[in-house]
N, C-alpha and C. Protein backbone atom coordinates (compact mmCIF):
# COMPACT_ATOMS: atom_id res chain seq x y z
N UNK A 1 43.21 13.57 7.85
CA UNK A 1 42.71 12.16 7.31
C UNK A 1 43.71 11.29 7.57
N UNK A 2 43.20 9.92 7.76
CA UNK A 2 44.16 8.93 8.11
C UNK A 2 45.13 8.62 6.93
N UNK A 3 44.84 9.04 5.84
CA UNK A 3 45.73 8.79 4.59
C UNK A 3 46.40 9.95 4.34
N UNK A 4 47.68 10.22 5.10
CA UNK A 4 48.60 11.46 4.92
C UNK A 4 48.78 11.56 3.43
N UNK A 5 48.71 12.68 2.75
CA UNK A 5 49.30 12.80 1.75
C UNK A 5 50.11 14.37 1.38
N UNK A 6 51.36 14.10 1.01
CA UNK A 6 52.10 15.33 0.85
C UNK A 6 51.20 16.31 -0.27
N UNK A 7 51.73 17.43 -0.02
CA UNK A 7 50.84 18.33 -1.15
C UNK A 7 50.98 17.96 -2.66
N UNK A 8 50.15 18.03 -3.53
CA UNK A 8 50.25 17.38 -4.68
C UNK A 8 49.85 16.13 -5.12
N UNK A 9 49.72 15.41 -4.02
CA UNK A 9 49.19 14.05 -4.14
C UNK A 9 47.71 13.92 -4.07
N UNK A 10 47.15 12.74 -4.64
CA UNK A 10 45.85 12.51 -4.67
C UNK A 10 45.37 11.67 -3.46
N UNK A 11 44.14 11.90 -3.15
CA UNK A 11 43.42 10.81 -2.15
C UNK A 11 42.85 9.86 -2.93
N UNK A 12 42.87 8.62 -2.71
CA UNK A 12 42.24 7.71 -3.36
C UNK A 12 40.95 7.02 -2.34
N UNK A 13 39.80 7.20 -2.71
CA UNK A 13 38.81 6.91 -1.89
C UNK A 13 37.68 6.08 -2.51
N UNK A 14 36.93 5.34 -1.58
CA UNK A 14 35.85 4.62 -2.22
C UNK A 14 34.55 5.58 -1.72
N UNK A 15 33.96 5.83 -2.93
CA UNK A 15 32.65 6.49 -2.46
C UNK A 15 31.45 6.00 -2.39
N UNK A 16 30.49 6.31 -1.43
CA UNK A 16 29.35 5.57 -1.09
C UNK A 16 28.21 6.61 -0.54
N UNK A 17 26.95 6.17 -0.71
CA UNK A 17 25.89 6.97 -0.36
C UNK A 17 25.28 6.62 1.06
N UNK A 18 24.90 7.46 1.80
CA UNK A 18 24.24 7.29 3.03
C UNK A 18 23.08 8.15 3.07
N UNK A 19 21.93 7.94 2.66
CA UNK A 19 20.76 8.99 2.45
C UNK A 19 21.22 9.62 1.13
N UNK A 20 21.13 11.10 1.20
CA UNK A 20 21.37 11.98 0.10
C UNK A 20 22.87 12.21 -0.07
N UNK A 21 23.56 12.05 1.02
CA UNK A 21 25.05 12.38 1.14
C UNK A 21 26.02 11.34 0.54
N UNK A 22 27.08 12.01 0.00
CA UNK A 22 28.17 10.99 -0.49
C UNK A 22 29.12 11.09 0.61
N UNK A 23 29.70 10.13 0.94
CA UNK A 23 30.90 9.95 1.77
C UNK A 23 32.02 9.07 1.19
N UNK A 24 33.02 9.11 1.66
CA UNK A 24 34.17 8.35 1.17
C UNK A 24 35.17 7.77 2.32
N UNK A 25 35.73 6.76 2.20
CA UNK A 25 36.75 6.24 3.07
C UNK A 25 38.00 5.74 2.18
N UNK A 26 39.27 5.93 2.84
CA UNK A 26 40.40 5.72 2.03
C UNK A 26 40.26 4.18 1.39
N UNK A 27 40.74 4.10 0.23
CA UNK A 27 40.79 2.72 -0.32
C UNK A 27 41.55 1.87 0.37
N UNK A 28 42.70 2.38 1.05
CA UNK A 28 43.53 1.55 1.59
C UNK A 28 42.87 0.79 2.94
N UNK A 29 42.02 1.20 3.45
CA UNK A 29 41.15 0.61 4.50
C UNK A 29 40.23 -0.32 4.17
N UNK A 30 39.76 -0.26 2.86
CA UNK A 30 38.78 -1.24 2.34
C UNK A 30 39.41 -2.69 2.13
N UNK A 31 38.61 -3.50 2.76
CA UNK A 31 39.02 -4.95 2.43
C UNK A 31 38.05 -5.42 1.13
N UNK A 32 36.81 -5.13 1.29
CA UNK A 32 36.00 -5.47 0.12
C UNK A 32 34.59 -4.87 0.28
N UNK A 33 33.83 -5.12 -0.89
CA UNK A 33 32.52 -4.70 -0.62
C UNK A 33 31.68 -6.05 -0.98
N UNK A 34 30.61 -6.28 -0.03
CA UNK A 34 29.99 -7.15 -0.39
C UNK A 34 28.18 -6.93 -0.14
N UNK A 35 27.52 -7.83 -0.93
CA UNK A 35 25.97 -7.48 -0.77
C UNK A 35 25.58 -7.93 0.75
N UNK A 36 24.54 -7.50 1.09
CA UNK A 36 24.37 -7.67 2.60
C UNK A 36 23.61 -9.10 2.83
N UNK A 37 24.34 -9.89 3.50
CA UNK A 37 23.95 -11.33 3.71
C UNK A 37 22.94 -11.42 5.06
N UNK A 38 22.57 -12.46 5.35
CA UNK A 38 21.88 -12.49 6.49
C UNK A 38 22.67 -12.15 7.83
N UNK A 39 22.21 -11.41 8.72
CA UNK A 39 23.09 -10.94 9.73
C UNK A 39 22.36 -11.57 11.02
N UNK A 40 23.42 -11.95 11.89
CA UNK A 40 22.83 -12.51 13.16
C UNK A 40 23.10 -11.39 14.08
N UNK A 41 21.88 -11.23 14.83
CA UNK A 41 21.69 -10.16 15.96
C UNK A 41 22.91 -10.60 17.11
N UNK A 42 23.42 -9.40 17.72
CA UNK A 42 24.01 -9.64 18.97
C UNK A 42 23.31 -9.04 20.32
N UNK A 43 23.08 -9.82 21.20
CA UNK A 43 22.25 -9.33 22.34
C UNK A 43 23.04 -8.07 22.94
N UNK A 44 22.16 -7.13 23.44
CA UNK A 44 22.71 -5.86 24.30
C UNK A 44 23.62 -5.05 23.59
N UNK A 45 23.67 -5.08 22.18
CA UNK A 45 24.56 -4.28 21.35
C UNK A 45 23.75 -2.92 21.09
N UNK A 46 24.51 -1.93 20.87
CA UNK A 46 24.00 -0.38 20.56
C UNK A 46 23.12 -0.51 19.34
N UNK A 47 22.02 0.31 19.15
CA UNK A 47 21.18 0.25 18.19
C UNK A 47 21.85 0.20 16.76
N UNK A 48 22.87 0.86 16.57
CA UNK A 48 23.48 1.10 15.25
C UNK A 48 24.32 -0.33 15.08
N UNK A 49 24.50 -1.31 15.90
CA UNK A 49 25.26 -2.44 15.64
C UNK A 49 24.24 -3.45 15.24
N UNK A 50 24.32 -3.99 13.96
CA UNK A 50 23.43 -4.79 13.29
C UNK A 50 23.44 -6.38 13.75
N UNK A 51 24.71 -6.62 14.01
CA UNK A 51 25.21 -7.70 14.56
C UNK A 51 26.51 -8.32 13.91
N UNK A 52 26.37 -9.60 13.33
CA UNK A 52 27.77 -10.21 12.82
C UNK A 52 27.38 -11.03 11.66
N UNK A 53 28.50 -11.06 10.87
CA UNK A 53 28.07 -12.00 9.56
C UNK A 53 29.43 -13.09 9.60
N UNK A 54 29.06 -14.12 8.74
CA UNK A 54 30.26 -14.88 8.60
C UNK A 54 30.71 -14.66 7.16
N UNK A 55 31.83 -14.30 7.18
CA UNK A 55 32.43 -13.88 5.74
C UNK A 55 33.60 -14.83 5.41
N UNK A 56 33.26 -16.04 4.62
CA UNK A 56 34.15 -16.86 4.24
C UNK A 56 35.07 -17.45 5.45
N UNK A 57 34.12 -17.65 6.69
CA UNK A 57 35.00 -18.31 7.90
C UNK A 57 35.27 -17.19 8.70
N UNK A 58 35.25 -16.08 8.41
CA UNK A 58 35.69 -15.05 9.43
C UNK A 58 34.43 -14.39 10.08
N UNK A 59 34.34 -14.07 11.39
CA UNK A 59 33.29 -13.35 12.00
C UNK A 59 33.53 -11.86 12.04
N UNK A 60 32.67 -11.21 11.04
CA UNK A 60 32.65 -9.85 11.06
C UNK A 60 31.71 -9.03 11.82
N UNK A 61 31.88 -8.04 12.65
CA UNK A 61 30.81 -7.24 13.13
C UNK A 61 30.30 -6.19 12.16
N UNK A 62 28.98 -6.02 12.10
CA UNK A 62 28.33 -5.06 11.22
C UNK A 62 27.66 -3.91 11.89
N UNK A 63 28.20 -2.69 11.55
CA UNK A 63 27.52 -1.45 11.90
C UNK A 63 26.90 -0.86 10.90
N UNK A 64 25.30 -0.46 11.17
CA UNK A 64 24.80 0.15 10.16
C UNK A 64 25.07 1.78 10.23
N UNK A 65 25.91 2.05 9.05
CA UNK A 65 26.41 3.44 9.04
C UNK A 65 25.30 4.36 8.90
N UNK A 66 23.99 3.93 8.27
CA UNK A 66 23.00 4.96 8.26
C UNK A 66 22.43 5.20 9.57
N UNK A 67 22.46 4.42 10.50
CA UNK A 67 21.96 4.66 11.83
C UNK A 67 22.89 5.40 12.64
N UNK A 68 24.30 5.09 12.44
CA UNK A 68 25.33 5.60 13.00
C UNK A 68 25.57 7.16 12.77
N UNK A 69 25.15 7.43 11.55
CA UNK A 69 25.29 8.82 10.97
C UNK A 69 23.97 9.64 11.13
N UNK A 70 22.84 9.08 11.68
CA UNK A 70 21.65 9.62 11.97
C UNK A 70 20.61 9.78 11.01
N UNK A 71 20.65 8.90 9.99
CA UNK A 71 19.82 9.08 8.80
C UNK A 71 18.51 8.57 9.44
N UNK A 72 17.62 9.54 8.94
CA UNK A 72 16.08 9.37 9.51
C UNK A 72 15.44 8.23 8.81
N UNK A 73 15.47 8.08 7.47
CA UNK A 73 14.65 7.06 6.63
C UNK A 73 15.54 6.03 6.21
N UNK A 74 15.52 4.83 6.91
CA UNK A 74 16.34 3.59 6.58
C UNK A 74 15.38 2.54 5.92
N UNK A 75 15.62 2.31 4.72
CA UNK A 75 14.97 1.37 4.14
C UNK A 75 15.92 0.37 3.35
N UNK A 76 15.82 -0.89 3.64
CA UNK A 76 16.75 -1.91 2.88
C UNK A 76 16.29 -2.05 1.33
N UNK A 77 17.26 -2.03 0.50
CA UNK A 77 17.08 -2.20 -0.66
C UNK A 77 18.19 -3.04 -1.33
N UNK A 78 17.90 -3.56 -2.56
CA UNK A 78 18.90 -4.38 -3.27
C UNK A 78 20.20 -3.61 -3.42
N UNK A 79 20.21 -2.42 -3.43
CA UNK A 79 21.63 -1.63 -3.66
C UNK A 79 22.45 -1.56 -2.44
N UNK A 80 21.85 -2.00 -1.18
CA UNK A 80 22.61 -1.69 0.10
C UNK A 80 23.74 -2.63 -0.27
N UNK A 81 24.80 -2.22 0.50
CA UNK A 81 26.12 -3.08 0.50
C UNK A 81 26.76 -2.94 2.04
N UNK A 82 27.74 -3.88 2.08
CA UNK A 82 28.57 -3.80 3.35
C UNK A 82 29.89 -3.60 2.95
N UNK A 83 30.55 -2.28 3.29
CA UNK A 83 31.93 -2.08 3.07
C UNK A 83 32.68 -2.73 4.28
N UNK A 84 33.53 -3.67 3.85
CA UNK A 84 34.33 -4.46 4.91
C UNK A 84 35.62 -3.77 4.86
N UNK A 85 35.77 -3.28 6.31
CA UNK A 85 37.08 -2.51 6.41
C UNK A 85 38.04 -3.02 7.43
N UNK A 86 39.30 -2.86 7.27
CA UNK A 86 40.21 -3.41 8.14
C UNK A 86 40.70 -2.37 9.30
N UNK A 87 40.62 -2.60 10.48
CA UNK A 87 40.90 -1.59 11.69
C UNK A 87 41.54 -2.45 12.71
N UNK A 88 42.98 -2.08 13.05
CA UNK A 88 43.56 -2.66 13.98
C UNK A 88 43.59 -4.03 13.93
N UNK A 89 43.79 -4.67 12.54
CA UNK A 89 43.93 -5.91 12.34
C UNK A 89 42.45 -6.62 12.44
N UNK A 90 41.49 -5.99 12.67
CA UNK A 90 40.12 -6.87 12.56
C UNK A 90 39.29 -6.40 11.49
N UNK A 91 38.31 -7.04 11.06
CA UNK A 91 37.41 -6.66 10.06
C UNK A 91 36.09 -6.16 10.59
N UNK A 92 35.59 -5.20 10.10
CA UNK A 92 34.21 -4.62 10.54
C UNK A 92 33.50 -4.31 9.07
N UNK A 93 32.24 -4.57 9.27
CA UNK A 93 31.33 -4.28 8.11
C UNK A 93 30.56 -2.72 8.29
N UNK A 94 30.48 -2.03 7.31
CA UNK A 94 29.53 -0.58 7.39
C UNK A 94 28.58 -0.94 6.41
N UNK A 95 27.25 -0.97 6.79
CA UNK A 95 26.10 -0.95 6.01
C UNK A 95 26.00 0.37 5.28
N UNK A 96 25.89 0.43 4.01
CA UNK A 96 25.67 1.66 3.47
C UNK A 96 24.51 1.53 2.35
N UNK A 97 23.95 2.79 1.92
CA UNK A 97 22.88 2.73 0.96
C UNK A 97 23.33 2.06 -0.48
N UNK A 98 24.60 2.68 -1.01
CA UNK A 98 25.02 1.98 -2.12
C UNK A 98 26.49 2.40 -2.01
N UNK A 99 27.27 1.54 -2.74
CA UNK A 99 28.73 1.87 -2.82
C UNK A 99 28.97 2.31 -4.37
N UNK A 100 29.49 3.42 -4.68
CA UNK A 100 29.39 3.99 -5.92
C UNK A 100 30.68 3.88 -6.78
N UNK A 101 31.69 4.24 -6.23
CA UNK A 101 32.89 4.25 -7.22
C UNK A 101 34.16 4.64 -6.33
N UNK A 102 35.35 4.48 -7.19
CA UNK A 102 36.57 4.61 -6.59
C UNK A 102 36.95 6.10 -6.99
N UNK A 103 37.20 7.02 -6.09
CA UNK A 103 37.28 8.53 -6.76
C UNK A 103 38.90 8.83 -6.40
N UNK A 104 39.37 9.74 -7.20
CA UNK A 104 40.79 10.16 -7.12
C UNK A 104 40.54 11.53 -6.85
N UNK A 105 40.79 12.07 -5.73
CA UNK A 105 40.59 13.54 -5.42
C UNK A 105 41.93 14.29 -5.34
N UNK A 106 42.33 15.20 -6.05
CA UNK A 106 43.72 15.84 -5.71
C UNK A 106 43.78 16.87 -4.50
N UNK A 107 44.81 16.54 -3.71
CA UNK A 107 45.03 17.11 -2.39
C UNK A 107 44.43 18.57 -2.32
N UNK A 108 44.67 19.36 -3.46
CA UNK A 108 44.17 20.80 -3.48
C UNK A 108 42.81 20.80 -3.41
N UNK A 109 41.89 19.74 -3.59
CA UNK A 109 40.53 19.85 -3.69
C UNK A 109 39.87 19.36 -2.32
N UNK A 110 40.72 18.98 -1.39
CA UNK A 110 40.45 18.58 -0.07
C UNK A 110 40.45 19.58 0.98
N UNK A 111 39.42 19.94 1.64
CA UNK A 111 39.63 20.95 2.67
C UNK A 111 39.31 20.24 4.10
N UNK A 112 39.93 20.95 5.22
CA UNK A 112 39.61 20.20 6.47
C UNK A 112 38.07 20.59 6.87
N UNK A 113 37.85 19.59 7.75
CA UNK A 113 36.32 19.64 8.10
C UNK A 113 36.16 20.77 8.93
N UNK A 114 34.74 21.41 8.91
CA UNK A 114 34.43 22.49 9.71
C UNK A 114 34.78 22.21 11.25
N UNK A 115 35.21 23.16 11.93
CA UNK A 115 35.24 23.08 13.45
C UNK A 115 34.04 22.66 14.21
N UNK A 116 32.72 22.82 13.71
CA UNK A 116 31.74 22.52 14.37
C UNK A 116 31.58 20.88 14.42
N UNK A 117 32.18 20.19 13.39
CA UNK A 117 32.16 18.86 13.21
C UNK A 117 32.98 18.13 14.37
N UNK A 118 33.91 18.85 14.82
CA UNK A 118 34.89 18.11 15.64
C UNK A 118 34.31 18.50 17.16
N UNK A 119 33.25 19.24 17.30
CA UNK A 119 32.52 19.13 18.62
C UNK A 119 31.75 18.02 18.85
N UNK A 120 31.25 17.33 18.05
CA UNK A 120 30.38 16.21 17.91
C UNK A 120 31.26 15.02 18.61
N UNK A 121 30.21 14.02 19.11
CA UNK A 121 30.84 12.95 19.66
C UNK A 121 31.39 12.19 18.28
N UNK A 122 30.50 12.11 17.24
CA UNK A 122 31.16 11.35 16.17
C UNK A 122 32.57 11.70 15.71
N UNK A 123 32.85 12.94 15.51
CA UNK A 123 34.12 13.48 15.08
C UNK A 123 35.02 12.51 14.20
N UNK A 124 34.23 11.88 13.14
CA UNK A 124 35.01 11.15 12.15
C UNK A 124 35.25 11.81 10.95
N UNK A 125 34.55 12.82 10.52
CA UNK A 125 34.71 13.45 9.27
C UNK A 125 36.08 14.28 9.26
N UNK A 126 36.90 13.97 8.49
CA UNK A 126 38.21 14.22 8.46
C UNK A 126 38.48 15.55 7.41
N UNK A 127 37.51 15.61 6.49
CA UNK A 127 37.89 16.44 5.55
C UNK A 127 36.74 16.65 4.37
N UNK A 128 36.54 17.47 3.57
CA UNK A 128 35.54 17.61 2.57
C UNK A 128 36.36 17.60 1.30
N UNK A 129 35.87 16.71 0.56
CA UNK A 129 36.52 16.67 -0.89
C UNK A 129 35.54 17.27 -1.90
N UNK A 130 36.32 18.15 -2.88
CA UNK A 130 35.29 18.58 -3.86
C UNK A 130 35.42 17.75 -5.11
N UNK A 131 34.55 17.00 -5.78
CA UNK A 131 34.65 16.25 -6.81
C UNK A 131 33.44 16.59 -7.71
N UNK A 132 33.85 16.92 -9.02
CA UNK A 132 32.83 17.14 -10.15
C UNK A 132 31.50 17.88 -9.49
N UNK A 133 31.66 19.18 -8.76
CA UNK A 133 30.81 19.79 -8.49
C UNK A 133 30.04 19.44 -7.10
N UNK A 134 30.53 18.25 -6.58
CA UNK A 134 29.75 17.83 -5.26
C UNK A 134 30.56 17.79 -4.15
N UNK A 135 30.25 17.79 -2.99
CA UNK A 135 31.01 17.63 -1.63
C UNK A 135 30.91 16.31 -1.28
N UNK A 136 31.97 15.68 -1.00
CA UNK A 136 32.11 14.45 -0.35
C UNK A 136 32.87 14.30 1.07
N UNK A 137 32.15 13.90 2.10
CA UNK A 137 32.49 13.88 3.28
C UNK A 137 33.64 12.91 3.55
N UNK A 138 34.56 13.01 3.90
CA UNK A 138 35.68 12.00 3.93
C UNK A 138 35.77 11.67 5.55
N UNK A 139 35.65 10.18 5.66
CA UNK A 139 35.65 9.81 7.00
C UNK A 139 36.97 8.78 7.33
N UNK A 140 36.96 9.08 8.65
CA UNK A 140 38.40 8.44 9.17
C UNK A 140 37.85 6.99 9.86
N UNK A 141 37.99 5.82 9.21
CA UNK A 141 37.45 4.56 9.74
C UNK A 141 37.94 4.43 11.31
N UNK A 142 39.22 4.63 11.52
CA UNK A 142 39.52 4.33 12.81
C UNK A 142 38.85 5.18 13.87
N UNK A 143 38.49 6.40 13.46
CA UNK A 143 37.89 7.14 14.56
C UNK A 143 36.34 6.70 14.52
N UNK A 144 35.88 6.43 13.39
CA UNK A 144 34.42 5.91 13.47
C UNK A 144 34.27 4.71 14.39
N UNK A 145 35.12 3.70 14.33
CA UNK A 145 35.11 2.43 14.80
C UNK A 145 35.44 2.56 16.32
N UNK A 146 36.53 3.34 16.62
CA UNK A 146 36.91 3.60 17.98
C UNK A 146 35.78 4.16 18.66
N UNK A 147 34.92 5.14 18.13
CA UNK A 147 33.90 5.71 18.68
C UNK A 147 32.85 4.65 19.13
N UNK A 148 32.63 3.92 18.04
CA UNK A 148 31.62 2.76 18.16
C UNK A 148 31.98 1.81 19.45
N UNK A 149 33.30 1.40 19.51
CA UNK A 149 33.83 0.66 20.56
C UNK A 149 33.52 1.27 21.88
N UNK A 150 33.92 2.64 22.05
CA UNK A 150 33.80 3.43 23.35
C UNK A 150 32.39 3.36 23.72
N UNK A 151 31.49 3.71 22.72
CA UNK A 151 29.88 3.66 23.00
C UNK A 151 29.63 2.34 23.48
N UNK A 152 29.97 1.19 22.81
CA UNK A 152 29.72 0.01 23.31
C UNK A 152 30.22 -0.37 24.65
N UNK A 153 31.35 0.01 25.02
CA UNK A 153 31.88 -0.14 26.44
C UNK A 153 31.17 0.78 27.48
N UNK A 154 30.83 2.09 27.01
CA UNK A 154 30.10 2.91 28.03
C UNK A 154 28.63 2.29 28.24
N UNK A 155 28.01 1.76 27.18
CA UNK A 155 26.65 1.15 27.47
C UNK A 155 26.81 -0.03 28.27
N UNK A 156 27.78 -0.88 28.25
CA UNK A 156 28.10 -1.90 29.30
C UNK A 156 28.20 -1.50 30.60
N UNK A 157 29.11 -0.53 30.69
CA UNK A 157 29.29 -0.06 32.12
C UNK A 157 28.04 0.73 32.66
N UNK A 158 27.33 1.32 32.02
CA UNK A 158 26.12 1.83 32.32
C UNK A 158 25.06 0.73 32.69
N UNK A 159 25.04 -0.26 31.96
CA UNK A 159 24.06 -1.31 32.28
C UNK A 159 24.53 -2.05 33.61
N UNK A 160 25.87 -2.19 33.79
CA UNK A 160 26.46 -2.96 34.98
C UNK A 160 26.14 -1.88 36.12
N UNK A 161 26.37 -0.63 35.99
CA UNK A 161 26.05 0.39 37.06
C UNK A 161 24.40 0.13 37.50
N UNK A 162 23.63 0.19 36.41
CA UNK A 162 22.22 0.24 36.59
C UNK A 162 21.78 -1.16 37.47
N UNK A 163 22.49 -2.23 36.92
CA UNK A 163 22.17 -3.63 37.59
C UNK A 163 22.71 -3.53 39.10
N UNK A 164 23.70 -2.84 39.60
CA UNK A 164 24.21 -2.60 40.94
C UNK A 164 23.57 -1.79 41.55
N UNK A 165 22.66 -0.97 41.04
CA UNK A 165 21.83 -0.02 41.90
C UNK A 165 20.62 -0.56 42.05
N UNK A 166 20.04 -1.43 41.16
CA UNK A 166 18.99 -2.15 41.40
C UNK A 166 19.14 -3.30 42.55
N UNK A 167 20.17 -3.79 42.48
CA UNK A 167 20.57 -5.00 43.38
C UNK A 167 20.86 -4.40 44.96
N UNK A 168 21.34 -3.13 44.84
CA UNK A 168 21.44 -2.52 46.28
C UNK A 168 20.21 -2.09 46.89
N UNK A 169 19.22 -1.60 46.01
CA UNK A 169 17.91 -1.06 46.40
C UNK A 169 17.03 -2.26 46.75
N UNK A 170 17.41 -3.50 46.65
CA UNK A 170 16.58 -4.60 47.15
C UNK A 170 16.85 -4.80 48.55
């Protein structure tokens, strides 16, 4: 996990829901939690990129984490929130179904993620925390956002290659 802890220390995470699952990100990565404002769409963005918002004068890109994690039923409700996280000095927003709580999970109750999760493209689940009888999937914000950036770049490259092929065929 991106928040290294020595044995015996606790993981401090922000818990949130996407569908029926509970996820968590390190509280150190969280800038703030806001209600979902009007989002400005960005042309040619991947499906999971909702657009950008103006957060007190700062432009913040917004990813729908529900789409990103493959949630089938996505409905907007008053409980939806945007987790504004900081990554490489930039702010990004993650739309979630609801932000629930700040959790303190002892390191002894956190296990490494199953190997099968490392084979997927997403590969952002860094561990599973056991908290009051439930499992919380711990996400690495940098991996989640780096994958998003890589996918965006590959989509742009594919689009340029397709345009070049179309022009060459004429």
